[in-house]
């Protein structure tokens, strides 16, 4: 079962700061979060559930795709990706968390499911959208 996200959060949505940690607007994860086509990512992710109404609630699309981006950008293992997310408030901001937490957001075994939900064709489409946004 997939729950659609409410809306894209932006840096200015945190006038008093990201709760629990200081976030810097020039950080690469903050800047990258502004480039991501989160609506498209959410749309593509939702389609992979094919009307499923039963079962566990799925991880939000931003967390699923964002974790894959963090893994790829930093060349990390699945386990190290989860550890990086736990330790880095900027990564948590990138994933759309409303506040910092030191608890793992998911078990590293979930990364397999995330990869299955974002095949290379979908990732290529997302990349093309990002490139168009930059030009």
Protein backbone atom coordinates (compact mmCIF):
# COMPACT_ATOMS: atom_id res chain seq x y z
CA UNK A 1 0.00 0.00 0.00
CA UNK A 2 1.35 3.42 -0.91
CA UNK A 3 0.59 6.69 0.82
CA UNK A 4 1.06 9.74 -1.35
CA UNK A 5 3.11 12.52 0.19
CA UNK A 6 1.44 15.76 1.14
CA UNK A 7 3.68 18.33 -0.53
CA UNK A 8 7.27 19.12 -1.31
CA UNK A 9 9.03 20.66 1.65
CA UNK A 10 11.49 23.43 0.91
CA UNK A 11 14.25 25.08 2.88
CA UNK A 12 12.11 28.16 3.55
CA UNK A 13 9.49 25.89 5.19
CA UNK A 14 11.79 25.78 8.22
CA UNK A 15 12.05 29.45 9.31
CA UNK A 16 13.35 28.47 12.75
CA UNK A 17 15.55 25.72 11.38
CA UNK A 18 15.30 22.01 10.89
CA UNK A 19 14.26 20.75 14.33
CA UNK A 20 17.08 19.06 16.21
CA UNK A 21 19.98 20.11 13.97
CA UNK A 22 21.29 23.08 12.06
CA UNK A 23 20.88 22.84 8.30
CA UNK A 24 23.01 24.94 5.97
CA UNK A 25 21.43 26.12 2.69
CA UNK A 26 24.71 25.73 0.80
CA UNK A 27 25.00 22.03 1.70
CA UNK A 28 24.96 19.72 -1.33
CA UNK A 29 22.00 17.69 -0.01
CA UNK A 30 19.91 20.81 0.56
CA UNK A 31 20.74 22.10 -2.92
CA UNK A 32 20.11 18.71 -4.50
CA UNK A 33 16.73 18.49 -2.79
CA UNK A 34 15.67 21.63 -4.67
CA UNK A 35 16.59 20.05 -8.03
CA UNK A 36 14.74 16.79 -7.53
CA UNK A 37 11.42 16.35 -9.35
CA UNK A 38 9.77 14.92 -6.24
CA UNK A 39 6.29 14.98 -7.81
CA UNK A 40 7.48 12.87 -10.75
CA UNK A 41 9.34 10.53 -8.38
CA UNK A 42 6.19 10.13 -6.29
CA UNK A 43 4.09 9.45 -9.39
CA UNK A 44 6.48 6.78 -10.70
CA UNK A 45 6.79 5.15 -7.27
CA UNK A 46 3.02 5.05 -6.74
CA UNK A 47 2.53 3.23 -10.05
CA UNK A 48 4.69 0.35 -8.82
CA UNK A 49 2.08 -0.55 -6.21
CA UNK A 50 -0.63 -1.30 -8.82
CA UNK A 51 -3.67 -0.59 -6.67
CA UNK A 52 -2.47 -2.48 -3.63
CA UNK A 53 -4.76 -1.72 -0.70
CA UNK A 54 -3.47 -4.33 1.74
CA UNK A 55 -0.16 -4.95 3.42
CA UNK A 56 2.30 -2.75 5.22
CA UNK A 57 2.39 0.94 4.45
CA UNK A 58 5.18 1.67 1.99
CA UNK A 59 8.08 3.96 2.72
CA UNK A 60 7.52 7.43 1.24
CA UNK A 61 8.82 7.88 -2.30
CA UNK A 62 11.20 10.61 -1.21
CA UNK A 63 12.82 8.33 1.35
CA UNK A 64 13.01 5.40 -1.07
CA UNK A 65 14.46 7.33 -4.00
CA UNK A 66 16.54 9.66 -1.84
CA UNK A 67 18.22 6.72 -0.11
CA UNK A 68 19.19 5.35 -3.53
CA UNK A 69 20.66 8.73 -4.48
CA UNK A 70 22.67 8.92 -1.25
CA UNK A 71 23.97 5.38 -1.79
CA UNK A 72 24.99 6.15 -5.38
CA UNK A 73 26.48 9.60 -4.75
CA UNK A 74 28.62 8.40 -1.84
CA UNK A 75 29.32 4.91 -3.22
CA UNK A 76 28.07 3.23 -0.04
CA UNK A 77 26.83 -0.23 0.83
CA UNK A 78 23.18 -0.58 1.83
CA UNK A 79 24.18 -0.79 5.50
CA UNK A 80 26.46 2.24 5.27
CA UNK A 81 23.71 4.20 3.54
CA UNK A 82 21.39 3.70 6.51
CA UNK A 83 24.22 4.65 8.88
CA UNK A 84 24.93 7.83 6.87
CA UNK A 85 21.26 8.79 6.99
CA UNK A 86 21.22 8.29 10.78
CA UNK A 87 24.29 10.46 11.32
CA UNK A 88 23.76 13.24 8.78
CA UNK A 89 20.96 15.79 9.30
CA UNK A 90 21.47 17.13 5.77
CA UNK A 91 20.75 13.66 4.36
CA UNK A 92 17.65 13.50 6.53
CA UNK A 93 16.55 16.88 5.20
CA UNK A 94 17.12 15.57 1.66
CA UNK A 95 14.82 12.64 2.48
CA UNK A 96 12.12 15.04 3.67
CA UNK A 97 12.30 14.37 7.39
CA UNK A 98 10.70 17.15 9.46
CA UNK A 99 13.33 16.82 12.21
CA UNK A 100 16.62 15.14 13.00
CA UNK A 101 16.59 11.65 14.48
CA UNK A 102 19.42 9.27 15.28
CA UNK A 103 17.21 6.22 14.75
CA UNK A 104 17.44 4.26 11.49
CA UNK A 105 14.47 5.15 9.26
CA UNK A 106 14.42 1.63 7.80
CA UNK A 107 16.41 -1.59 7.79
CA UNK A 108 19.12 -1.79 5.15
CA UNK A 109 17.35 -4.78 3.58
CA UNK A 110 14.67 -2.32 2.32
CA UNK A 111 17.18 -0.94 -0.17
CA UNK A 112 16.56 -4.02 -2.34
CA UNK A 113 12.86 -3.13 -2.57
CA UNK A 114 13.72 0.51 -3.31
CA UNK A 115 15.92 -0.55 -6.24
CA UNK A 116 13.15 -2.78 -7.56
CA UNK A 117 10.68 0.13 -7.51
CA UNK A 118 13.01 2.43 -9.48
CA UNK A 119 14.23 0.54 -12.56
CA UNK A 120 16.89 2.08 -14.80
CA UNK A 121 14.29 3.39 -17.29
CA UNK A 122 12.57 5.40 -14.53
CA UNK A 123 15.89 6.68 -13.18
CA UNK A 124 16.84 7.82 -16.70
CA UNK A 125 13.56 9.74 -16.98
CA UNK A 126 14.13 11.38 -13.59
CA UNK A 127 17.70 12.31 -14.60
CA UNK A 128 16.44 13.89 -17.84
CA UNK A 129 13.96 15.97 -15.85
CA UNK A 130 16.71 17.15 -13.50
CA UNK A 131 18.92 18.14 -16.44
CA UNK A 132 16.06 20.10 -18.04
CA UNK A 133 15.50 21.94 -14.74
CA UNK A 134 19.14 23.03 -14.65
CA UNK A 135 19.16 24.53 -18.15
